Amino acid sequence: MEQIKGHYLSNEDAKSFLLAGKCIATFLNSESGNRYTYKISKKKNSERDIYFVKVLTGGDNNSDYTFFGSIYNNQFKWSQKSSIKEDANSVKVFNYVFSKLFQNKLDNRIQIWHEGLCGRCGRKLTVPESILNGIGPECAKKLKISK
């Protein structure tokens, strides 16, 4: 199996990271080796916590992400406006992992990784504890995450 670039998150850290506002996360099935990389961005200037979910779909420099759904109240919902079908494997994987993670029932075979960038602001992480949990110390304060 190909080595993933980044850092493995605990389930508790993954919850904070995924909803920090500007994260890129890879979901890996350690048994099969299957993986998908997602970008989750918080909607700006909104009174409610709404997040847009995109999946990495390729491109010359691996920076093309395609929108396929949103998160509100810790619930994922596929969007009919997406060019990716609801039954696509990338959508099913995200829905399964996200819902199981927030139900505290995520299978140990599933790992969530980050690339060393803060889940809130996107800057490179340099503090060892921040590298472990995916959120920089200043952003953790703003998110009221105690570490």
N, C-alpha and C. Protein backbone atom coordinates (compact mmCIF):
# COMPACT_ATOMS: atom_id res chain seq x y z
N MET A 1 0.84 -1.18 0.00
CA MET A 1 0.00 0.00 0.00
C MET A 1 0.89 1.24 0.00
N GLU A 2 0.50 2.24 -0.79
CA GLU A 2 1.24 3.49 -0.88
C GLU A 2 1.14 4.26 0.43
N GLN A 3 2.25 4.86 0.86
CA GLN A 3 2.28 5.65 2.09
C GLN A 3 1.56 6.98 1.85
N ILE A 4 0.70 7.35 2.80
CA ILE A 4 -0.01 8.62 2.70
C ILE A 4 0.84 9.72 3.31
N LYS A 5 0.88 10.85 2.64
CA LYS A 5 1.59 12.01 3.15
C LYS A 5 0.70 12.68 4.19
N GLY A 6 1.21 12.86 5.40
CA GLY A 6 0.42 13.56 6.39
C GLY A 6 0.49 12.93 7.76
N HIS A 7 -0.56 13.21 8.53
CA HIS A 7 -0.60 12.81 9.92
C HIS A 7 -1.96 12.21 10.25
N TYR A 8 -1.93 11.08 10.92
CA TYR A 8 -3.13 10.35 11.31
C TYR A 8 -3.76 11.03 12.52
N LEU A 9 -5.07 11.25 12.49
CA LEU A 9 -5.79 11.91 13.58
C LEU A 9 -6.57 10.91 14.42
N SER A 10 -6.63 11.15 15.73
CA SER A 10 -7.52 10.36 16.57
C SER A 10 -8.95 10.74 16.18
N ASN A 11 -9.92 9.91 16.55
CA ASN A 11 -11.31 10.21 16.21
C ASN A 11 -11.77 11.52 16.83
N GLU A 12 -11.40 11.80 18.06
CA GLU A 12 -11.81 13.05 18.71
C GLU A 12 -11.19 14.25 18.00
N ASP A 13 -9.90 14.17 17.68
CA ASP A 13 -9.25 15.27 16.96
C ASP A 13 -9.85 15.43 15.56
N ALA A 14 -10.22 14.31 14.94
CA ALA A 14 -10.79 14.37 13.59
C ALA A 14 -12.10 15.15 13.58
N LYS A 15 -12.91 15.01 14.61
CA LYS A 15 -14.18 15.75 14.68
C LYS A 15 -13.92 17.25 14.66
N SER A 16 -13.00 17.71 15.49
CA SER A 16 -12.67 19.14 15.53
C SER A 16 -12.06 19.59 14.21
N PHE A 17 -11.17 18.79 13.68
CA PHE A 17 -10.46 19.13 12.44
C PHE A 17 -11.43 19.27 11.27
N LEU A 18 -12.32 18.31 11.10
CA LEU A 18 -13.22 18.32 9.95
C LEU A 18 -14.15 19.52 9.94
N LEU A 19 -14.48 20.04 11.13
CA LEU A 19 -15.39 21.17 11.22
C LEU A 19 -14.69 22.46 11.64
N ALA A 20 -13.39 22.52 11.42
CA ALA A 20 -12.63 23.71 11.80
C ALA A 20 -12.86 24.87 10.84
N GLY A 21 -13.21 24.58 9.60
CA GLY A 21 -13.54 25.65 8.67
C GLY A 21 -12.83 25.64 7.34
N LYS A 22 -11.67 24.98 7.26
CA LYS A 22 -10.90 25.02 6.00
C LYS A 22 -9.94 23.82 5.98
N CYS A 23 -10.49 22.63 6.00
CA CYS A 23 -9.60 21.47 6.13
C CYS A 23 -9.55 20.65 4.84
N ILE A 24 -8.45 19.94 4.73
CA ILE A 24 -8.28 18.92 3.70
C ILE A 24 -7.96 17.64 4.46
N ALA A 25 -8.78 16.61 4.26
CA ALA A 25 -8.62 15.36 4.99
C ALA A 25 -8.72 14.18 4.04
N THR A 26 -7.93 13.17 4.32
CA THR A 26 -7.98 11.93 3.55
C THR A 26 -8.55 10.84 4.43
N PHE A 27 -9.56 10.14 3.93
CA PHE A 27 -10.15 8.99 4.62
C PHE A 27 -9.53 7.75 3.98
N LEU A 28 -8.93 6.92 4.82
CA LEU A 28 -8.23 5.72 4.35
C LEU A 28 -8.82 4.49 5.00
N ASN A 29 -9.13 3.49 4.19
CA ASN A 29 -9.50 2.18 4.71
C ASN A 29 -8.19 1.39 4.77
N SER A 30 -7.67 1.18 5.99
CA SER A 30 -6.35 0.56 6.14
C SER A 30 -6.35 -0.90 5.70
N GLU A 31 -7.51 -1.52 5.62
CA GLU A 31 -7.59 -2.92 5.19
C GLU A 31 -7.54 -3.04 3.66
N SER A 32 -8.32 -2.22 2.97
CA SER A 32 -8.39 -2.32 1.52
C SER A 32 -7.40 -1.38 0.81
N GLY A 33 -6.98 -0.32 1.51
CA GLY A 33 -6.11 0.67 0.89
C GLY A 33 -6.87 1.75 0.13
N ASN A 34 -8.18 1.62 0.04
CA ASN A 34 -8.98 2.63 -0.65
C ASN A 34 -8.93 3.94 0.14
N ARG A 35 -8.91 5.06 -0.60
CA ARG A 35 -8.87 6.36 0.07
C ARG A 35 -9.47 7.44 -0.81
N TYR A 36 -9.98 8.46 -0.14
CA TYR A 36 -10.51 9.65 -0.80
C TYR A 36 -10.04 10.87 -0.03
N THR A 37 -9.76 11.95 -0.75
CA THR A 37 -9.35 13.19 -0.11
C THR A 37 -10.47 14.21 -0.30
N TYR A 38 -10.83 14.86 0.82
CA TYR A 38 -11.95 15.79 0.84
C TYR A 38 -11.48 17.16 1.31
N LYS A 39 -12.17 18.19 0.82
CA LYS A 39 -11.96 19.55 1.30
C LYS A 39 -13.30 20.00 1.90
N ILE A 40 -13.24 20.44 3.16
CA ILE A 40 -14.45 20.87 3.85
C ILE A 40 -14.25 22.33 4.26
N SER A 41 -15.12 23.20 3.75
CA SER A 41 -15.00 24.64 3.99
C SER A 41 -16.27 25.18 4.63
N LYS A 42 -16.08 25.99 5.65
CA LYS A 42 -17.22 26.62 6.32
C LYS A 42 -17.73 27.77 5.47
N LYS A 43 -19.06 27.88 5.36
CA LYS A 43 -19.66 28.98 4.61
C LYS A 43 -19.35 30.28 5.33
N LYS A 44 -18.85 31.25 4.58
CA LYS A 44 -18.48 32.54 5.15
C LYS A 44 -19.70 33.40 5.39
N ASN A 45 -19.60 34.25 6.41
CA ASN A 45 -20.64 35.23 6.72
C ASN A 45 -22.03 34.60 6.90
N SER A 46 -22.06 33.47 7.57
CA SER A 46 -23.32 32.79 7.83
C SER A 46 -23.55 32.72 9.34
N GLU A 47 -24.78 32.94 9.74
CA GLU A 47 -25.11 32.84 11.17
C GLU A 47 -25.12 31.38 11.61
N ARG A 48 -25.34 30.49 10.68
CA ARG A 48 -25.37 29.06 10.99
C ARG A 48 -24.07 28.41 10.55
N ASP A 49 -23.72 27.31 11.19
CA ASP A 49 -22.52 26.56 10.80
C ASP A 49 -22.86 25.62 9.65
N ILE A 50 -22.59 26.09 8.45
CA ILE A 50 -22.82 25.31 7.24
C ILE A 50 -21.47 25.09 6.58
N TYR A 51 -21.23 23.87 6.13
CA TYR A 51 -19.96 23.49 5.52
C TYR A 51 -20.22 22.90 4.14
N PHE A 52 -19.33 23.22 3.21
CA PHE A 52 -19.40 22.66 1.86
C PHE A 52 -18.35 21.56 1.74
N VAL A 53 -18.74 20.44 1.15
CA VAL A 53 -17.86 19.28 1.04
C VAL A 53 -17.55 19.02 -0.43
N LYS A 54 -16.24 18.89 -0.70
CA LYS A 54 -15.75 18.60 -2.05
C LYS A 54 -14.82 17.39 -1.97
N VAL A 55 -14.70 16.70 -3.08
CA VAL A 55 -13.79 15.56 -3.16
C VAL A 55 -12.75 15.85 -4.24
N LEU A 56 -11.53 15.39 -3.96
CA LEU A 56 -10.44 15.54 -4.93
C LEU A 56 -10.76 14.71 -6.16
N THR A 57 -10.79 15.38 -7.31
CA THR A 57 -11.13 14.68 -8.55
C THR A 57 -10.00 14.72 -9.56
N GLY A 58 -8.82 15.12 -9.12
CA GLY A 58 -7.67 15.05 -10.01
C GLY A 58 -7.17 16.39 -10.45
N GLY A 59 -6.81 16.44 -11.70
CA GLY A 59 -6.21 17.65 -12.24
C GLY A 59 -4.72 17.47 -12.33
N ASP A 60 -4.07 18.39 -13.04
CA ASP A 60 -2.63 18.29 -13.26
C ASP A 60 -1.82 18.32 -11.97
N ASN A 61 -2.24 19.13 -11.01
CA ASN A 61 -1.46 19.24 -9.77
C ASN A 61 -2.25 18.76 -8.55
N ASN A 62 -3.21 17.87 -8.77
CA ASN A 62 -4.03 17.32 -7.69
C ASN A 62 -4.68 18.41 -6.85
N SER A 63 -5.21 19.43 -7.51
CA SER A 63 -5.86 20.50 -6.76
C SER A 63 -7.30 20.73 -7.21
N ASP A 64 -7.83 19.84 -8.03
CA ASP A 64 -9.21 19.99 -8.50
C ASP A 64 -10.16 19.23 -7.57
N TYR A 65 -11.03 19.99 -6.93
CA TYR A 65 -12.02 19.41 -6.03
C TYR A 65 -13.40 19.69 -6.59
N THR A 66 -14.31 18.73 -6.46
CA THR A 66 -15.67 18.86 -6.98
C THR A 66 -16.65 18.81 -5.82
N PHE A 67 -17.53 19.81 -5.77
CA PHE A 67 -18.55 19.91 -4.72
C PHE A 67 -19.55 18.76 -4.85
N PHE A 68 -19.96 18.19 -3.70
CA PHE A 68 -21.00 17.16 -3.76
C PHE A 68 -21.97 17.20 -2.59
N GLY A 69 -21.77 18.06 -1.60
CA GLY A 69 -22.74 18.10 -0.51
C GLY A 69 -22.37 19.11 0.55
N SER A 70 -23.16 19.11 1.62
CA SER A 70 -22.94 20.05 2.70
C SER A 70 -23.20 19.39 4.06
N ILE A 71 -22.73 20.08 5.09
CA ILE A 71 -22.90 19.61 6.46
C ILE A 71 -23.61 20.72 7.23
N TYR A 72 -24.62 20.34 7.97
CA TYR A 72 -25.32 21.26 8.87
C TYR A 72 -25.77 20.46 10.09
N ASN A 73 -25.54 20.98 11.28
CA ASN A 73 -25.86 20.26 12.52
C ASN A 73 -25.23 18.88 12.57
N ASN A 74 -23.98 18.79 12.14
CA ASN A 74 -23.23 17.53 12.12
C ASN A 74 -23.89 16.44 11.29
N GLN A 75 -24.68 16.85 10.31
CA GLN A 75 -25.33 15.91 9.40
C GLN A 75 -24.90 16.23 7.98
N PHE A 76 -24.46 15.21 7.25
CA PHE A 76 -24.08 15.39 5.85
C PHE A 76 -25.30 15.21 4.97
N LYS A 77 -25.42 16.04 3.93
CA LYS A 77 -26.49 15.90 2.95
C LYS A 77 -25.90 16.09 1.55
N TRP A 78 -26.12 15.11 0.70
CA TRP A 78 -25.70 15.19 -0.68
C TRP A 78 -26.53 16.26 -1.39
N SER A 79 -25.92 16.97 -2.34
CA SER A 79 -26.60 18.04 -3.06
C SER A 79 -26.99 17.60 -4.47
N GLN A 80 -28.22 17.88 -4.83
CA GLN A 80 -28.68 17.60 -6.19
C GLN A 80 -27.98 18.47 -7.21
N LYS A 81 -27.35 19.56 -6.76
CA LYS A 81 -26.62 20.46 -7.65
C LYS A 81 -25.25 19.90 -8.03
N SER A 82 -24.85 18.80 -7.40
CA SER A 82 -23.53 18.23 -7.65
C SER A 82 -23.50 17.45 -8.96
N SER A 83 -22.34 17.51 -9.61
CA SER A 83 -22.15 16.68 -10.81
C SER A 83 -21.77 15.25 -10.43
N ILE A 84 -21.50 15.03 -9.15
CA ILE A 84 -21.18 13.69 -8.65
C ILE A 84 -22.48 13.07 -8.14
N LYS A 85 -22.78 11.88 -8.60
CA LYS A 85 -24.02 11.20 -8.24
C LYS A 85 -24.02 10.78 -6.77
N GLU A 86 -25.21 10.71 -6.20
CA GLU A 86 -25.38 10.34 -4.79
C GLU A 86 -24.85 8.94 -4.50
N ASP A 87 -24.89 8.05 -5.48
CA ASP A 87 -24.43 6.68 -5.27
C ASP A 87 -22.96 6.48 -5.62
N ALA A 88 -22.23 7.57 -5.91
CA ALA A 88 -20.79 7.47 -6.17
C ALA A 88 -20.07 7.00 -4.91
N ASN A 89 -19.06 6.20 -5.08
CA ASN A 89 -18.34 5.64 -3.94
C ASN A 89 -17.77 6.74 -3.03
N SER A 90 -17.26 7.81 -3.62
CA SER A 90 -16.68 8.90 -2.81
C SER A 90 -17.74 9.54 -1.91
N VAL A 91 -18.96 9.66 -2.39
CA VAL A 91 -20.06 10.22 -1.60
C VAL A 91 -20.47 9.25 -0.50
N LYS A 92 -20.62 7.98 -0.87
CA LYS A 92 -21.01 6.97 0.12
C LYS A 92 -19.97 6.84 1.23
N VAL A 93 -18.68 6.88 0.86
CA VAL A 93 -17.61 6.78 1.86
C VAL A 93 -17.67 7.98 2.80
N PHE A 94 -17.80 9.19 2.24
CA PHE A 94 -17.85 10.36 3.11
C PHE A 94 -19.03 10.28 4.07
N ASN A 95 -20.19 9.97 3.55
CA ASN A 95 -21.39 9.90 4.38
C ASN A 95 -21.23 8.85 5.49
N TYR A 96 -20.71 7.69 5.15
CA TYR A 96 -20.51 6.62 6.13
C TYR A 96 -19.51 7.04 7.21
N VAL A 97 -18.33 7.50 6.80
CA VAL A 97 -17.28 7.84 7.76
C VAL A 97 -17.72 9.01 8.64
N PHE A 98 -18.28 10.04 8.03
CA PHE A 98 -18.68 11.22 8.80
C PHE A 98 -19.75 10.86 9.82
N SER A 99 -20.77 10.13 9.40
CA SER A 99 -21.85 9.79 10.34
C SER A 99 -21.36 8.86 11.44
N LYS A 100 -20.57 7.86 11.11
CA LYS A 100 -20.04 6.94 12.13
C LYS A 100 -19.10 7.66 13.10
N LEU A 101 -18.30 8.59 12.58
CA LEU A 101 -17.39 9.36 13.43
C LEU A 101 -18.17 10.13 14.49
N PHE A 102 -19.23 10.81 14.09
CA PHE A 102 -20.00 11.62 15.03
C PHE A 102 -20.96 10.80 15.90
N GLN A 103 -21.14 9.53 15.56
CA GLN A 103 -21.90 8.61 16.43
C GLN A 103 -20.96 7.85 17.37
N ASN A 104 -19.65 8.14 17.26
CA ASN A 104 -18.61 7.42 18.02
C ASN A 104 -18.63 5.92 17.74
N LYS A 105 -18.88 5.58 16.47
CA LYS A 105 -18.94 4.18 16.06
C LYS A 105 -18.06 3.89 14.84
N LEU A 106 -17.02 4.71 14.65
CA LEU A 106 -16.18 4.53 13.47
C LEU A 106 -15.29 3.31 13.63
N ASP A 107 -15.29 2.47 12.64
CA ASP A 107 -14.50 1.24 12.60
C ASP A 107 -13.01 1.57 12.65
N ASN A 108 -12.23 0.77 13.37
CA ASN A 108 -10.79 1.00 13.51
C ASN A 108 -10.03 0.90 12.20
N ARG A 109 -10.61 0.27 11.20
CA ARG A 109 -9.95 0.17 9.90
C ARG A 109 -9.92 1.51 9.17
N ILE A 110 -10.81 2.42 9.56
CA ILE A 110 -10.92 3.72 8.89
C ILE A 110 -10.02 4.72 9.61
N GLN A 111 -9.16 5.36 8.85
CA GLN A 111 -8.25 6.37 9.39
C GLN A 111 -8.52 7.70 8.70
N ILE A 112 -8.36 8.78 9.47
CA ILE A 112 -8.52 10.12 8.92
C ILE A 112 -7.18 10.83 9.07
N TRP A 113 -6.68 11.37 7.96
CA TRP A 113 -5.36 11.96 7.90
C TRP A 113 -5.46 13.43 7.50
N HIS A 114 -4.50 14.23 7.93
CA HIS A 114 -4.38 15.61 7.46
C HIS A 114 -2.98 15.79 6.89
N GLU A 115 -2.78 16.87 6.13
CA GLU A 115 -1.54 17.09 5.38
C GLU A 115 -0.56 18.03 6.06
N GLY A 116 -0.77 18.33 7.35
CA GLY A 116 0.14 19.23 8.05
C GLY A 116 -0.26 20.69 7.94
N LEU A 117 -1.50 20.93 7.50
CA LEU A 117 -2.01 22.29 7.41
C LEU A 117 -3.15 22.45 8.40
N CYS A 118 -3.24 23.62 9.01
CA CYS A 118 -4.27 23.90 10.00
C CYS A 118 -5.65 23.72 9.36
N GLY A 119 -6.53 23.02 10.06
CA GLY A 119 -7.89 22.79 9.57
C GLY A 119 -8.75 24.03 9.55
N ARG A 120 -8.34 25.08 10.25
CA ARG A 120 -9.12 26.31 10.29
C ARG A 120 -8.62 27.35 9.29
N CYS A 121 -7.30 27.58 9.27
CA CYS A 121 -6.77 28.68 8.44
C CYS A 121 -5.95 28.20 7.25
N GLY A 122 -5.53 26.94 7.26
CA GLY A 122 -4.77 26.39 6.14
C GLY A 122 -3.28 26.62 6.18
N ARG A 123 -2.78 27.28 7.26
CA ARG A 123 -1.33 27.51 7.35
C ARG A 123 -0.61 26.24 7.79
N LYS A 124 0.67 26.17 7.45
CA LYS A 124 1.50 25.02 7.83
C LYS A 124 1.61 24.93 9.36
N LEU A 125 1.44 23.72 9.88
CA LEU A 125 1.55 23.49 11.32
C LEU A 125 3.00 23.23 11.69
N THR A 126 3.47 23.87 12.78
CA THR A 126 4.85 23.68 13.22
C THR A 126 4.95 23.26 14.68
N VAL A 127 3.93 23.52 15.48
CA VAL A 127 3.94 23.12 16.89
C VAL A 127 3.60 21.63 16.97
N PRO A 128 4.44 20.82 17.63
CA PRO A 128 4.22 19.37 17.65
C PRO A 128 2.79 18.95 18.02
N GLU A 129 2.20 19.54 19.05
CA GLU A 129 0.84 19.16 19.44
C GLU A 129 -0.16 19.50 18.33
N SER A 130 0.07 20.62 17.66
CA SER A 130 -0.81 21.01 16.56
C SER A 130 -0.68 20.06 15.38
N ILE A 131 0.50 19.57 15.15
CA ILE A 131 0.70 18.60 14.07
C ILE A 131 -0.09 17.33 14.37
N LEU A 132 -0.15 16.96 15.64
CA LEU A 132 -0.91 15.78 16.03
C LEU A 132 -2.41 15.97 15.85
N ASN A 133 -2.94 17.15 16.22
CA ASN A 133 -4.40 17.32 16.20
C ASN A 133 -4.92 18.10 14.99
N GLY A 134 -4.04 18.68 14.18
CA GLY A 134 -4.45 19.31 12.93
C GLY A 134 -4.93 20.74 13.03
N ILE A 135 -4.81 21.35 14.21
CA ILE A 135 -5.26 22.73 14.37
C ILE A 135 -4.19 23.51 15.13
N GLY A 136 -3.78 24.66 14.57
CA GLY A 136 -2.75 25.48 15.20
C GLY A 136 -3.21 26.07 16.52
N PRO A 137 -2.26 26.48 17.37
CA PRO A 137 -2.61 26.96 18.71
C PRO A 137 -3.51 28.20 18.70
N GLU A 138 -3.25 29.14 17.80
CA GLU A 138 -4.10 30.35 17.73
C GLU A 138 -5.51 30.00 17.26
N CYS A 139 -5.59 29.14 16.28
CA CYS A 139 -6.90 28.72 15.77
C CYS A 139 -7.65 27.89 16.81
N ALA A 140 -6.93 27.08 17.58
CA ALA A 140 -7.58 26.28 18.65
C ALA A 140 -8.22 27.23 19.66
N LYS A 141 -7.54 28.33 19.97
CA LYS A 141 -8.12 29.32 20.90
C LYS A 141 -9.40 29.92 20.30
N LYS A 142 -9.34 30.29 19.04
CA LYS A 142 -10.50 30.89 18.38
C LYS A 142 -11.68 29.91 18.30
N LEU A 143 -11.36 28.63 18.14
CA LEU A 143 -12.40 27.60 18.07
C LEU A 143 -12.82 27.10 19.45
N LYS A 144 -12.13 27.62 20.48
CA LYS A 144 -12.39 27.22 21.87
C LYS A 144 -12.19 25.71 22.06
N ILE A 145 -11.07 25.22 21.48
CA ILE A 145 -10.68 23.83 21.63
C ILE A 145 -9.58 23.78 22.66
N SER A 146 -9.81 23.08 23.74
CA SER A 146 -8.76 22.98 24.76
C SER A 146 -7.91 21.76 24.50
N LYS A 147 -6.62 22.01 24.39
CA LYS A 147 -5.66 20.91 24.14
C LYS A 147 -4.57 20.99 25.18
